[in-house]
Amino acid sequence: MLLTSIDPFFQEFERQFDRLTRQAFDNGSAAMPMDGLRRADDVLLRFDLPGIDPDSIEVTVDRGVLSVSARREEEIADDERLFVRERTMGTFTRRVYLSEHLDSDKIDAGYANGVLTVRIPVLERAKPRKVEIQRGETRAIKA
């Protein structure tokens, strides 16, 4: 018998994070890097979005998929000439598949200092809990 200690939340986020990272680098665009943290009562996702207008950020949830979209606009005046471009412009989208153990109805998000933070609560039924041990009668066996 093999007994292991696993955290399904961590495994799922690690799997999705690895998949999304591979996609980002395969496309040559890592425009929205993300960190994912599993805490006791929730999961925290942090997306780096420097230079993004907060009004252009959209966070949606549809059938267990969290989508984050943001837009960085061109900032060149008529009398300016661009000679180096290293910052990616346009619309960026990132999708994260949510575990069924997360409460997608109570997601909240905030944006500060170029970082979008999305908090996803863990459902009560999925939180670790202590199992009470029932005590039965002790009977002596007569031989």
N, C-alpha and C. Protein backbone atom coordinates (compact mmCIF):
# COMPACT_ATOMS: atom_id res chain seq x y z
N MET A 1 0.85 -1.17 0.00
CA MET A 1 0.00 0.00 0.00
C MET A 1 0.90 1.24 0.00
N LEU A 2 0.59 2.18 -0.86
CA LEU A 2 1.35 3.42 -0.96
C LEU A 2 0.53 4.55 -0.39
N LEU A 3 1.06 5.21 0.60
CA LEU A 3 0.38 6.36 1.19
C LEU A 3 1.19 7.61 0.89
N THR A 4 0.54 8.61 0.34
CA THR A 4 1.24 9.86 0.05
C THR A 4 0.43 11.03 0.58
N SER A 5 1.10 12.11 0.82
CA SER A 5 0.46 13.35 1.23
C SER A 5 0.42 14.26 0.01
N ILE A 6 -0.78 14.62 -0.43
CA ILE A 6 -0.88 15.47 -1.60
C ILE A 6 -1.75 16.68 -1.31
N ASP A 7 -1.52 17.73 -2.03
CA ASP A 7 -2.36 18.92 -1.98
C ASP A 7 -2.89 19.12 -3.39
N PRO A 8 -4.13 18.72 -3.65
CA PRO A 8 -4.66 18.80 -5.01
C PRO A 8 -4.69 20.22 -5.56
N PHE A 9 -4.86 21.22 -4.70
CA PHE A 9 -4.86 22.61 -5.17
C PHE A 9 -3.48 22.97 -5.73
N PHE A 10 -2.45 22.63 -4.96
CA PHE A 10 -1.10 22.95 -5.39
C PHE A 10 -0.75 22.22 -6.68
N GLN A 11 -1.10 20.94 -6.76
CA GLN A 11 -0.79 20.17 -7.96
C GLN A 11 -1.48 20.75 -9.19
N GLU A 12 -2.76 21.11 -9.05
CA GLU A 12 -3.50 21.64 -10.19
C GLU A 12 -2.95 23.00 -10.63
N PHE A 13 -2.68 23.89 -9.67
CA PHE A 13 -2.14 25.20 -10.04
C PHE A 13 -0.73 25.08 -10.62
N GLU A 14 0.06 24.16 -10.07
CA GLU A 14 1.39 23.95 -10.61
C GLU A 14 1.31 23.44 -12.05
N ARG A 15 0.39 22.51 -12.30
CA ARG A 15 0.22 21.96 -13.65
C ARG A 15 -0.23 23.06 -14.61
N GLN A 16 -1.22 23.84 -14.21
CA GLN A 16 -1.73 24.91 -15.08
C GLN A 16 -0.67 26.00 -15.28
N PHE A 17 0.03 26.34 -14.20
CA PHE A 17 1.06 27.37 -14.30
C PHE A 17 2.16 26.93 -15.26
N ASP A 18 2.60 25.68 -15.15
CA ASP A 18 3.62 25.16 -16.07
C ASP A 18 3.14 25.18 -17.51
N ARG A 19 1.88 24.77 -17.74
CA ARG A 19 1.33 24.75 -19.08
C ARG A 19 1.26 26.18 -19.65
N LEU A 20 0.79 27.11 -18.84
CA LEU A 20 0.66 28.49 -19.32
C LEU A 20 2.03 29.13 -19.54
N THR A 21 2.98 28.80 -18.70
CA THR A 21 4.34 29.34 -18.88
C THR A 21 4.94 28.83 -20.18
N ARG A 22 4.75 27.53 -20.46
CA ARG A 22 5.26 26.99 -21.72
C ARG A 22 4.61 27.68 -22.91
N GLN A 23 3.29 27.90 -22.83
CA GLN A 23 2.59 28.58 -23.92
C GLN A 23 3.13 30.00 -24.10
N ALA A 24 3.34 30.70 -23.01
CA ALA A 24 3.81 32.08 -23.10
C ALA A 24 5.18 32.14 -23.76
N PHE A 25 6.09 31.26 -23.35
CA PHE A 25 7.43 31.32 -23.93
C PHE A 25 7.47 30.75 -25.34
N ASP A 26 6.61 29.78 -25.64
CA ASP A 26 6.54 29.26 -27.00
C ASP A 26 6.05 30.32 -27.97
N ASN A 27 5.15 31.19 -27.51
CA ASN A 27 4.63 32.26 -28.35
C ASN A 27 5.58 33.45 -28.41
N GLY A 28 6.64 33.42 -27.60
CA GLY A 28 7.57 34.54 -27.56
C GLY A 28 7.04 35.73 -26.79
N SER A 29 5.97 35.53 -26.01
CA SER A 29 5.36 36.65 -25.30
C SER A 29 5.05 36.24 -23.87
N ALA A 30 5.71 36.86 -22.94
CA ALA A 30 5.43 36.65 -21.52
C ALA A 30 4.89 37.95 -20.96
N ALA A 31 3.81 38.45 -21.56
CA ALA A 31 3.31 39.78 -21.25
C ALA A 31 2.56 39.86 -19.93
N MET A 32 2.13 38.73 -19.37
CA MET A 32 1.36 38.76 -18.13
C MET A 32 1.84 37.67 -17.18
N PRO A 33 3.03 37.83 -16.60
CA PRO A 33 3.52 36.81 -15.66
C PRO A 33 2.61 36.71 -14.44
N MET A 34 2.53 35.51 -13.87
CA MET A 34 1.61 35.26 -12.77
C MET A 34 2.29 34.43 -11.68
N ASP A 35 1.95 34.73 -10.43
CA ASP A 35 2.31 33.90 -9.29
C ASP A 35 1.01 33.39 -8.69
N GLY A 36 1.00 32.15 -8.22
CA GLY A 36 -0.17 31.58 -7.56
C GLY A 36 0.20 31.09 -6.18
N LEU A 37 -0.59 31.48 -5.18
CA LEU A 37 -0.35 31.09 -3.80
C LEU A 37 -1.56 30.35 -3.25
N ARG A 38 -1.35 29.24 -2.60
CA ARG A 38 -2.43 28.52 -1.91
C ARG A 38 -2.32 28.85 -0.44
N ARG A 39 -3.37 29.41 0.11
CA ARG A 39 -3.41 29.74 1.53
C ARG A 39 -4.49 28.89 2.19
N ALA A 40 -4.68 29.03 3.50
CA ALA A 40 -5.63 28.18 4.23
C ALA A 40 -7.06 28.31 3.70
N ASP A 41 -7.50 29.54 3.45
CA ASP A 41 -8.90 29.76 3.09
C ASP A 41 -9.11 30.22 1.65
N ASP A 42 -8.03 30.43 0.91
CA ASP A 42 -8.20 30.94 -0.44
C ASP A 42 -6.97 30.67 -1.30
N VAL A 43 -7.10 31.01 -2.56
CA VAL A 43 -6.00 30.97 -3.52
C VAL A 43 -5.81 32.40 -3.99
N LEU A 44 -4.55 32.82 -4.06
CA LEU A 44 -4.23 34.18 -4.48
C LEU A 44 -3.42 34.12 -5.76
N LEU A 45 -3.88 34.83 -6.77
CA LEU A 45 -3.17 34.93 -8.04
C LEU A 45 -2.72 36.37 -8.20
N ARG A 46 -1.45 36.56 -8.56
CA ARG A 46 -0.91 37.90 -8.78
C ARG A 46 -0.38 37.98 -10.21
N PHE A 47 -0.89 38.95 -10.96
CA PHE A 47 -0.50 39.15 -12.35
C PHE A 47 0.26 40.46 -12.46
N ASP A 48 1.44 40.44 -13.06
CA ASP A 48 2.20 41.67 -13.30
C ASP A 48 1.64 42.37 -14.53
N LEU A 49 1.16 43.60 -14.34
CA LEU A 49 0.60 44.38 -15.44
C LEU A 49 1.10 45.82 -15.35
N PRO A 50 2.42 46.03 -15.44
CA PRO A 50 2.93 47.40 -15.34
C PRO A 50 2.53 48.24 -16.55
N GLY A 51 2.23 49.50 -16.28
CA GLY A 51 1.90 50.42 -17.36
C GLY A 51 0.53 50.21 -17.97
N ILE A 52 -0.32 49.45 -17.28
CA ILE A 52 -1.66 49.16 -17.78
C ILE A 52 -2.66 50.12 -17.12
N ASP A 53 -3.55 50.69 -17.93
CA ASP A 53 -4.63 51.51 -17.40
C ASP A 53 -5.60 50.58 -16.67
N PRO A 54 -5.87 50.82 -15.38
CA PRO A 54 -6.77 49.93 -14.64
C PRO A 54 -8.16 49.78 -15.28
N ASP A 55 -8.61 50.80 -16.00
CA ASP A 55 -9.92 50.71 -16.65
C ASP A 55 -9.93 49.72 -17.81
N SER A 56 -8.75 49.34 -18.30
CA SER A 56 -8.69 48.39 -19.42
C SER A 56 -8.65 46.93 -18.95
N ILE A 57 -8.54 46.71 -17.65
CA ILE A 57 -8.44 45.35 -17.11
C ILE A 57 -9.85 44.76 -16.96
N GLU A 58 -9.98 43.51 -17.41
CA GLU A 58 -11.25 42.80 -17.29
C GLU A 58 -10.98 41.40 -16.74
N VAL A 59 -11.69 41.05 -15.67
CA VAL A 59 -11.58 39.72 -15.06
C VAL A 59 -12.95 39.07 -15.19
N THR A 60 -13.00 37.89 -15.82
CA THR A 60 -14.27 37.18 -15.98
C THR A 60 -14.10 35.72 -15.58
N VAL A 61 -15.22 35.09 -15.23
CA VAL A 61 -15.24 33.66 -14.92
C VAL A 61 -16.38 33.05 -15.72
N ASP A 62 -16.06 32.00 -16.46
CA ASP A 62 -17.07 31.31 -17.25
C ASP A 62 -16.78 29.82 -17.24
N ARG A 63 -17.68 29.06 -16.68
CA ARG A 63 -17.57 27.59 -16.63
C ARG A 63 -16.22 27.11 -16.11
N GLY A 64 -15.80 27.67 -14.99
CA GLY A 64 -14.58 27.21 -14.35
C GLY A 64 -13.30 27.75 -14.94
N VAL A 65 -13.39 28.73 -15.82
CA VAL A 65 -12.19 29.33 -16.41
C VAL A 65 -12.14 30.81 -16.03
N LEU A 66 -11.08 31.20 -15.36
CA LEU A 66 -10.84 32.60 -15.02
C LEU A 66 -10.05 33.22 -16.16
N SER A 67 -10.56 34.32 -16.72
CA SER A 67 -9.86 35.02 -17.80
C SER A 67 -9.51 36.42 -17.35
N VAL A 68 -8.27 36.81 -17.58
CA VAL A 68 -7.81 38.16 -17.28
C VAL A 68 -7.35 38.78 -18.59
N SER A 69 -7.93 39.94 -18.93
CA SER A 69 -7.54 40.66 -20.14
C SER A 69 -7.16 42.08 -19.75
N ALA A 70 -6.17 42.61 -20.44
CA ALA A 70 -5.73 43.99 -20.20
C ALA A 70 -5.19 44.55 -21.51
N ARG A 71 -5.17 45.87 -21.60
CA ARG A 71 -4.72 46.53 -22.82
C ARG A 71 -3.70 47.62 -22.50
N ARG A 72 -2.58 47.60 -23.22
CA ARG A 72 -1.58 48.66 -23.12
C ARG A 72 -1.60 49.42 -24.44
N GLU A 73 -1.87 50.70 -24.37
CA GLU A 73 -2.02 51.54 -25.56
C GLU A 73 -0.68 52.19 -25.94
N GLU A 74 -0.56 52.50 -27.21
CA GLU A 74 0.59 53.23 -27.74
C GLU A 74 0.61 54.65 -27.17
N GLU A 75 1.78 55.14 -26.80
CA GLU A 75 1.90 56.47 -26.20
C GLU A 75 2.93 57.31 -26.96
N ILE A 76 2.73 57.48 -28.25
CA ILE A 76 3.67 58.25 -29.06
C ILE A 76 2.94 59.46 -29.63
N ALA A 77 3.49 60.63 -29.37
CA ALA A 77 2.90 61.87 -29.90
C ALA A 77 3.29 62.04 -31.36
N ASP A 78 2.61 62.94 -32.06
CA ASP A 78 2.86 63.18 -33.49
C ASP A 78 4.28 63.67 -33.75
N ASP A 79 4.85 64.41 -32.81
CA ASP A 79 6.19 64.95 -33.03
C ASP A 79 7.30 64.05 -32.48
N GLU A 80 6.97 62.82 -32.10
CA GLU A 80 7.95 61.87 -31.58
C GLU A 80 8.18 60.75 -32.59
N ARG A 81 9.40 60.19 -32.54
CA ARG A 81 9.75 59.10 -33.44
C ARG A 81 10.31 57.95 -32.61
N LEU A 82 9.73 56.79 -32.75
CA LEU A 82 10.14 55.60 -32.01
C LEU A 82 11.40 55.01 -32.64
N PHE A 83 12.44 54.77 -31.82
CA PHE A 83 13.65 54.13 -32.36
C PHE A 83 13.98 52.82 -31.66
N VAL A 84 13.33 52.52 -30.53
CA VAL A 84 13.49 51.22 -29.85
C VAL A 84 12.11 50.82 -29.31
N ARG A 85 11.75 49.55 -29.53
CA ARG A 85 10.49 49.06 -28.94
C ARG A 85 10.76 47.71 -28.30
N GLU A 86 10.70 47.66 -26.97
CA GLU A 86 10.87 46.42 -26.24
C GLU A 86 9.62 46.08 -25.42
N ARG A 87 8.76 47.05 -25.21
CA ARG A 87 7.51 46.82 -24.47
C ARG A 87 6.43 46.39 -25.46
N THR A 88 5.71 45.35 -25.11
CA THR A 88 4.64 44.85 -25.97
C THR A 88 3.40 45.71 -25.78
N MET A 89 2.77 46.07 -26.89
CA MET A 89 1.54 46.85 -26.86
C MET A 89 0.38 45.97 -27.32
N GLY A 90 -0.83 46.40 -27.00
CA GLY A 90 -2.01 45.67 -27.45
C GLY A 90 -2.75 45.04 -26.29
N THR A 91 -3.53 44.01 -26.59
CA THR A 91 -4.35 43.32 -25.61
C THR A 91 -3.69 42.01 -25.19
N PHE A 92 -3.66 41.77 -23.89
CA PHE A 92 -3.09 40.55 -23.33
C PHE A 92 -4.20 39.79 -22.62
N THR A 93 -4.19 38.48 -22.77
CA THR A 93 -5.19 37.65 -22.11
C THR A 93 -4.52 36.44 -21.48
N ARG A 94 -4.96 36.11 -20.29
CA ARG A 94 -4.44 34.95 -19.57
C ARG A 94 -5.63 34.17 -19.04
N ARG A 95 -5.62 32.85 -19.19
CA ARG A 95 -6.70 32.00 -18.70
C ARG A 95 -6.16 31.00 -17.69
N VAL A 96 -6.92 30.82 -16.62
CA VAL A 96 -6.55 29.87 -15.57
C VAL A 96 -7.76 28.98 -15.33
N TYR A 97 -7.56 27.68 -15.39
CA TYR A 97 -8.63 26.73 -15.13
C TYR A 97 -8.74 26.53 -13.62
N LEU A 98 -9.95 26.76 -13.09
CA LEU A 98 -10.17 26.69 -11.65
C LEU A 98 -10.62 25.30 -11.22
N SER A 99 -10.15 24.89 -10.07
CA SER A 99 -10.56 23.62 -9.47
C SER A 99 -12.02 23.72 -9.03
N GLU A 100 -12.71 22.60 -8.99
CA GLU A 100 -14.10 22.60 -8.52
C GLU A 100 -14.17 22.85 -7.02
N HIS A 101 -13.03 22.89 -6.33
CA HIS A 101 -12.99 23.14 -4.90
C HIS A 101 -12.91 24.62 -4.57
N LEU A 102 -12.92 25.47 -5.61
CA LEU A 102 -12.85 26.91 -5.40
C LEU A 102 -14.22 27.53 -5.63
N ASP A 103 -14.51 28.61 -4.88
CA ASP A 103 -15.81 29.28 -4.96
C ASP A 103 -15.74 30.42 -5.98
N SER A 104 -16.08 30.11 -7.23
CA SER A 104 -15.97 31.11 -8.30
C SER A 104 -17.01 32.21 -8.19
N ASP A 105 -18.02 32.04 -7.32
CA ASP A 105 -19.03 33.08 -7.12
C ASP A 105 -18.54 34.20 -6.21
N LYS A 106 -17.46 33.99 -5.49
CA LYS A 106 -16.99 34.98 -4.52
C LYS A 106 -15.58 35.48 -4.82
N ILE A 107 -15.19 35.49 -6.07
CA ILE A 107 -13.88 35.98 -6.46
C ILE A 107 -13.84 37.50 -6.33
N ASP A 108 -12.73 38.03 -5.82
CA ASP A 108 -12.56 39.48 -5.83
C ASP A 108 -11.18 39.81 -6.37
N ALA A 109 -11.04 41.03 -6.87
CA ALA A 109 -9.79 41.44 -7.51
C ALA A 109 -9.47 42.89 -7.17
N GLY A 110 -8.18 43.20 -7.14
CA GLY A 110 -7.73 44.57 -6.91
C GLY A 110 -6.46 44.84 -7.71
N TYR A 111 -6.23 46.11 -8.02
CA TYR A 111 -5.06 46.49 -8.82
C TYR A 111 -4.32 47.62 -8.11
N ALA A 112 -3.04 47.42 -7.83
CA ALA A 112 -2.22 48.43 -7.18
C ALA A 112 -0.77 48.25 -7.60
N ASN A 113 -0.11 49.36 -7.88
CA ASN A 113 1.32 49.36 -8.21
C ASN A 113 1.68 48.41 -9.34
N GLY A 114 0.81 48.29 -10.34
CA GLY A 114 1.10 47.46 -11.49
C GLY A 114 0.86 45.98 -11.31
N VAL A 115 0.23 45.61 -10.19
CA VAL A 115 -0.04 44.19 -9.91
C VAL A 115 -1.54 43.99 -9.70
N LEU A 116 -2.12 43.08 -10.48
CA LEU A 116 -3.51 42.68 -10.31
C LEU A 116 -3.52 41.48 -9.38
N THR A 117 -4.27 41.57 -8.28
CA THR A 117 -4.38 40.48 -7.32
C THR A 117 -5.80 39.94 -7.36
N VAL A 118 -5.93 38.64 -7.61
CA VAL A 118 -7.23 37.98 -7.67
C VAL A 118 -7.28 36.97 -6.53
N ARG A 119 -8.31 37.09 -5.68
CA ARG A 119 -8.47 36.18 -4.54
C ARG A 119 -9.68 35.28 -4.80
N ILE A 120 -9.45 33.96 -4.68
CA ILE A 120 -10.50 32.97 -4.93
C ILE A 120 -10.66 32.13 -3.66
N PRO A 121 -11.82 32.24 -2.98
CA PRO A 121 -12.01 31.47 -1.75
C PRO A 121 -12.13 29.96 -2.03
N VAL A 122 -11.69 29.19 -1.05
CA VAL A 122 -11.85 27.73 -1.09
C VAL A 122 -13.21 27.41 -0.49
N LEU A 123 -13.96 26.51 -1.14
CA LEU A 123 -15.26 26.10 -0.61
C LEU A 123 -15.10 25.44 0.75
N GLU A 124 -16.07 25.65 1.62
CA GLU A 124 -16.02 25.07 2.97
C GLU A 124 -15.82 23.56 2.93
N ARG A 125 -16.51 22.88 2.02
CA ARG A 125 -16.43 21.42 1.98
C ARG A 125 -15.05 20.93 1.56
N ALA A 126 -14.24 21.81 0.96
CA ALA A 126 -12.91 21.41 0.49
C ALA A 126 -11.81 21.74 1.50
N LYS A 127 -12.15 22.49 2.55
CA LYS A 127 -11.14 22.86 3.54
C LYS A 127 -10.82 21.67 4.43
N PRO A 128 -9.58 21.58 4.86
CA PRO A 128 -9.22 20.50 5.78
C PRO A 128 -10.05 20.60 7.07
N ARG A 129 -10.43 19.49 7.60
CA ARG A 129 -11.20 19.50 8.84
C ARG A 129 -10.78 18.30 9.68
N LYS A 130 -11.04 18.42 10.96
CA LYS A 130 -10.70 17.36 11.87
C LYS A 130 -11.87 16.37 11.93
N VAL A 131 -11.54 15.11 11.86
CA VAL A 131 -12.55 14.05 11.92
C VAL A 131 -12.60 13.54 13.36
N GLU A 132 -13.81 13.56 13.92
CA GLU A 132 -13.98 13.10 15.29
C GLU A 132 -13.95 11.58 15.33
N ILE A 133 -13.27 11.06 16.30
CA ILE A 133 -13.16 9.61 16.47
C ILE A 133 -14.23 9.17 17.47
N GLN A 134 -15.08 8.25 17.04
CA GLN A 134 -16.14 7.72 17.90
C GLN A 134 -15.55 6.64 18.81
N ARG A 135 -15.96 6.67 20.03
CA ARG A 135 -15.49 5.66 20.97
C ARG A 135 -16.61 4.66 21.21
N GLY A 136 -16.28 3.43 21.04
CA GLY A 136 -17.26 2.37 21.26
C GLY A 136 -17.08 1.76 22.64
N GLU A 137 -17.99 0.86 22.97
CA GLU A 137 -17.89 0.16 24.25
C GLU A 137 -16.72 -0.81 24.21
N THR A 138 -16.06 -0.91 25.33
CA THR A 138 -14.99 -1.89 25.44
C THR A 138 -15.54 -3.11 26.13
N ARG A 139 -15.47 -4.23 25.47
CA ARG A 139 -15.99 -5.48 26.04
C ARG A 139 -14.83 -6.44 26.23
N ALA A 140 -14.88 -7.10 27.34
CA ALA A 140 -13.86 -8.11 27.60
C ALA A 140 -14.27 -9.41 26.93
N ILE A 141 -13.33 -10.09 26.41
CA ILE A 141 -13.58 -11.37 25.76
C ILE A 141 -13.29 -12.46 26.78
N LYS A 142 -14.30 -13.30 27.03
CA LYS A 142 -14.12 -14.40 28.00
C LYS A 142 -13.63 -15.61 27.27
N ALA A 143 -12.60 -16.21 27.81
CA ALA A 143 -12.05 -17.38 27.17
C ALA A 143 -12.33 -18.63 27.96
